[in-house]
Amino acid sequence: MGWDTMRVEFVRIYNELFSEDEINGVLAFYESPAGRATLEKMPQLMTKAMAFAQSQMADLLPEIQRITKEASQK
C-alpha cells in the first residue's frame, strides 16, 4: 500500500474529524518552532514513554498473574 492510496483515506478521515479552521491551526502549529520541535522530539518522547510504561507493567505483572491464577481457580 503506497502513500497515494493511503493519502486519500487520511484526507477523508481528517475532513471527517476536523474543520478547515482546525486543520489550518494544526498546520500553523507544525510550521511554528514549537511544532517543529514537537515533530523532531516525538520519537524520543514515545521511546521514553513506552520504556516507562513497560517498567510499570513489569512491576505489576506478578500481581496480575496472581489475580489471574486466583480467578481461574474459582
N, C-alpha and C. Protein backbone atom coordinates (compact mmCIF):
# COMPACT_ATOMS: atom_id res chain seq x y z
N MET A 1 0.86 -1.19 0.00
CA MET A 1 0.00 0.00 0.00
C MET A 1 0.89 1.24 0.00
N GLY A 2 0.78 2.02 -1.02
CA GLY A 2 1.60 3.22 -1.15
C GLY A 2 0.93 4.44 -0.56
N TRP A 3 1.71 5.53 -0.49
CA TRP A 3 1.20 6.78 0.07
C TRP A 3 0.01 7.30 -0.71
N ASP A 4 0.02 7.16 -2.04
CA ASP A 4 -1.10 7.67 -2.86
C ASP A 4 -2.42 7.04 -2.43
N THR A 5 -2.38 5.75 -2.12
CA THR A 5 -3.59 5.05 -1.66
C THR A 5 -3.97 5.51 -0.26
N MET A 6 -2.98 5.59 0.61
CA MET A 6 -3.24 5.97 2.00
C MET A 6 -3.67 7.43 2.11
N ARG A 7 -3.11 8.29 1.27
CA ARG A 7 -3.39 9.73 1.33
C ARG A 7 -4.88 10.00 1.21
N VAL A 8 -5.53 9.35 0.28
CA VAL A 8 -6.96 9.55 0.06
C VAL A 8 -7.74 9.27 1.34
N GLU A 9 -7.41 8.17 2.01
CA GLU A 9 -8.12 7.80 3.23
C GLU A 9 -7.79 8.77 4.38
N PHE A 10 -6.52 9.18 4.49
CA PHE A 10 -6.15 10.13 5.55
C PHE A 10 -6.86 11.46 5.35
N VAL A 11 -6.95 11.93 4.11
CA VAL A 11 -7.66 13.18 3.83
C VAL A 11 -9.13 13.03 4.23
N ARG A 12 -9.74 11.91 3.89
CA ARG A 12 -11.14 11.68 4.26
C ARG A 12 -11.32 11.70 5.78
N ILE A 13 -10.43 11.01 6.49
CA ILE A 13 -10.54 10.94 7.96
C ILE A 13 -10.37 12.33 8.58
N TYR A 14 -9.34 13.06 8.14
CA TYR A 14 -9.12 14.40 8.69
C TYR A 14 -10.30 15.31 8.38
N ASN A 15 -10.85 15.22 7.16
CA ASN A 15 -12.01 16.04 6.82
C ASN A 15 -13.23 15.68 7.65
N GLU A 16 -13.34 14.41 8.01
CA GLU A 16 -14.46 13.95 8.84
C GLU A 16 -14.34 14.48 10.27
N LEU A 17 -13.12 14.57 10.78
CA LEU A 17 -12.92 14.89 12.19
C LEU A 17 -12.61 16.35 12.48
N PHE A 18 -12.03 17.06 11.52
CA PHE A 18 -11.58 18.43 11.76
C PHE A 18 -12.24 19.40 10.79
N SER A 19 -12.50 20.60 11.31
CA SER A 19 -12.98 21.67 10.43
C SER A 19 -11.77 22.24 9.67
N GLU A 20 -12.05 23.03 8.66
CA GLU A 20 -10.96 23.65 7.89
C GLU A 20 -10.13 24.57 8.78
N ASP A 21 -10.81 25.32 9.67
CA ASP A 21 -10.08 26.20 10.60
C ASP A 21 -9.18 25.39 11.53
N GLU A 22 -9.65 24.25 12.00
CA GLU A 22 -8.84 23.41 12.88
C GLU A 22 -7.62 22.86 12.14
N ILE A 23 -7.82 22.42 10.91
CA ILE A 23 -6.69 21.91 10.12
C ILE A 23 -5.68 23.02 9.87
N ASN A 24 -6.16 24.21 9.57
CA ASN A 24 -5.26 25.35 9.38
C ASN A 24 -4.49 25.65 10.66
N GLY A 25 -5.15 25.53 11.80
CA GLY A 25 -4.48 25.75 13.09
C GLY A 25 -3.41 24.70 13.36
N VAL A 26 -3.72 23.46 13.04
CA VAL A 26 -2.74 22.38 13.21
C VAL A 26 -1.53 22.62 12.31
N LEU A 27 -1.79 22.97 11.07
CA LEU A 27 -0.70 23.27 10.14
C LEU A 27 0.15 24.43 10.63
N ALA A 28 -0.49 25.47 11.14
CA ALA A 28 0.25 26.62 11.66
C ALA A 28 1.13 26.19 12.84
N PHE A 29 0.59 25.34 13.70
CA PHE A 29 1.38 24.86 14.84
C PHE A 29 2.62 24.12 14.36
N TYR A 30 2.44 23.17 13.44
CA TYR A 30 3.58 22.37 12.99
C TYR A 30 4.58 23.17 12.17
N GLU A 31 4.18 24.33 11.67
CA GLU A 31 5.11 25.22 10.97
C GLU A 31 5.82 26.16 11.94
N SER A 32 5.36 26.20 13.20
CA SER A 32 5.98 27.06 14.20
C SER A 32 7.21 26.37 14.81
N PRO A 33 8.07 27.12 15.50
CA PRO A 33 9.21 26.49 16.17
C PRO A 33 8.79 25.40 17.17
N ALA A 34 7.73 25.66 17.92
CA ALA A 34 7.27 24.65 18.88
C ALA A 34 6.75 23.40 18.16
N GLY A 35 6.06 23.59 17.06
CA GLY A 35 5.56 22.45 16.29
C GLY A 35 6.68 21.65 15.66
N ARG A 36 7.68 22.34 15.13
CA ARG A 36 8.83 21.63 14.55
C ARG A 36 9.58 20.87 15.63
N ALA A 37 9.72 21.47 16.82
CA ALA A 37 10.39 20.78 17.93
C ALA A 37 9.58 19.55 18.36
N THR A 38 8.25 19.67 18.36
CA THR A 38 7.40 18.54 18.70
C THR A 38 7.63 17.39 17.73
N LEU A 39 7.62 17.69 16.44
CA LEU A 39 7.85 16.64 15.44
C LEU A 39 9.24 16.02 15.58
N GLU A 40 10.22 16.85 15.83
CA GLU A 40 11.59 16.37 15.94
C GLU A 40 11.78 15.48 17.17
N LYS A 41 11.14 15.84 18.28
CA LYS A 41 11.36 15.14 19.54
C LYS A 41 10.36 14.03 19.82
N MET A 42 9.30 13.93 19.01
CA MET A 42 8.26 12.93 19.25
C MET A 42 8.80 11.50 19.30
N PRO A 43 9.71 11.10 18.41
CA PRO A 43 10.22 9.72 18.52
C PRO A 43 10.90 9.45 19.87
N GLN A 44 11.68 10.42 20.37
CA GLN A 44 12.32 10.26 21.67
C GLN A 44 11.29 10.20 22.79
N LEU A 45 10.29 11.07 22.70
CA LEU A 45 9.24 11.09 23.71
C LEU A 45 8.51 9.74 23.75
N MET A 46 8.17 9.21 22.59
CA MET A 46 7.46 7.93 22.54
C MET A 46 8.33 6.79 23.08
N THR A 47 9.63 6.80 22.76
CA THR A 47 10.54 5.78 23.27
C THR A 47 10.60 5.82 24.78
N LYS A 48 10.76 7.01 25.34
CA LYS A 48 10.84 7.15 26.80
C LYS A 48 9.51 6.80 27.46
N ALA A 49 8.41 7.22 26.86
CA ALA A 49 7.09 6.92 27.44
C ALA A 49 6.82 5.41 27.42
N MET A 50 7.19 4.76 26.33
CA MET A 50 6.98 3.31 26.24
C MET A 50 7.88 2.57 27.23
N ALA A 51 9.12 3.01 27.41
CA ALA A 51 10.01 2.38 28.40
C ALA A 51 9.43 2.53 29.80
N PHE A 52 8.89 3.70 30.11
CA PHE A 52 8.27 3.92 31.41
C PHE A 52 7.06 3.01 31.59
N ALA A 53 6.20 2.94 30.58
CA ALA A 53 5.00 2.10 30.67
C ALA A 53 5.39 0.63 30.85
N GLN A 54 6.41 0.19 30.14
CA GLN A 54 6.85 -1.20 30.27
C GLN A 54 7.39 -1.47 31.66
N SER A 55 8.13 -0.53 32.23
CA SER A 55 8.65 -0.73 33.58
C SER A 55 7.50 -0.80 34.60
N GLN A 56 6.49 0.00 34.38
CA GLN A 56 5.34 -0.03 35.28
C GLN A 56 4.60 -1.36 35.17
N MET A 57 4.45 -1.85 33.95
CA MET A 57 3.79 -3.14 33.75
C MET A 57 4.61 -4.28 34.36
N ALA A 58 5.93 -4.19 34.26
CA ALA A 58 6.79 -5.23 34.84
C ALA A 58 6.60 -5.29 36.35
N ASP A 59 6.44 -4.13 36.96
CA ASP A 59 6.19 -4.09 38.41
C ASP A 59 4.84 -4.69 38.77
N LEU A 60 3.86 -4.52 37.87
CA LEU A 60 2.51 -5.02 38.15
C LEU A 60 2.30 -6.47 37.73
N LEU A 61 3.17 -7.00 36.89
CA LEU A 61 2.96 -8.32 36.32
C LEU A 61 2.76 -9.41 37.36
N PRO A 62 3.56 -9.50 38.42
CA PRO A 62 3.32 -10.55 39.42
C PRO A 62 1.91 -10.48 40.03
N GLU A 63 1.45 -9.29 40.29
CA GLU A 63 0.11 -9.13 40.87
C GLU A 63 -0.97 -9.52 39.86
N ILE A 64 -0.78 -9.14 38.61
CA ILE A 64 -1.73 -9.53 37.56
C ILE A 64 -1.78 -11.04 37.41
N GLN A 65 -0.60 -11.67 37.44
CA GLN A 65 -0.55 -13.13 37.33
C GLN A 65 -1.24 -13.80 38.52
N ARG A 66 -1.04 -13.25 39.73
CA ARG A 66 -1.69 -13.81 40.92
C ARG A 66 -3.21 -13.71 40.81
N ILE A 67 -3.70 -12.55 40.41
CA ILE A 67 -5.14 -12.34 40.29
C ILE A 67 -5.72 -13.25 39.22
N THR A 68 -5.03 -13.37 38.10
CA THR A 68 -5.48 -14.24 37.02
C THR A 68 -5.54 -15.69 37.47
N LYS A 69 -4.52 -16.13 38.20
CA LYS A 69 -4.49 -17.51 38.68
C LYS A 69 -5.63 -17.76 39.66
N GLU A 70 -5.86 -16.84 40.58
CA GLU A 70 -6.95 -16.97 41.54
C GLU A 70 -8.30 -17.02 40.82
N ALA A 71 -8.49 -16.18 39.84
CA ALA A 71 -9.75 -16.13 39.12
C ALA A 71 -9.99 -17.42 38.34
N SER A 72 -8.93 -17.99 37.80
CA SER A 72 -9.09 -19.23 37.01
C SER A 72 -9.34 -20.44 37.89
N GLN A 73 -9.00 -20.36 39.16
CA GLN A 73 -9.21 -21.46 40.09
C GLN A 73 -10.62 -21.47 40.66
N LYS A 74 -11.36 -20.40 40.47
CA LYS A 74 -12.72 -20.31 41.02
C LYS A 74 -13.73 -20.95 40.10
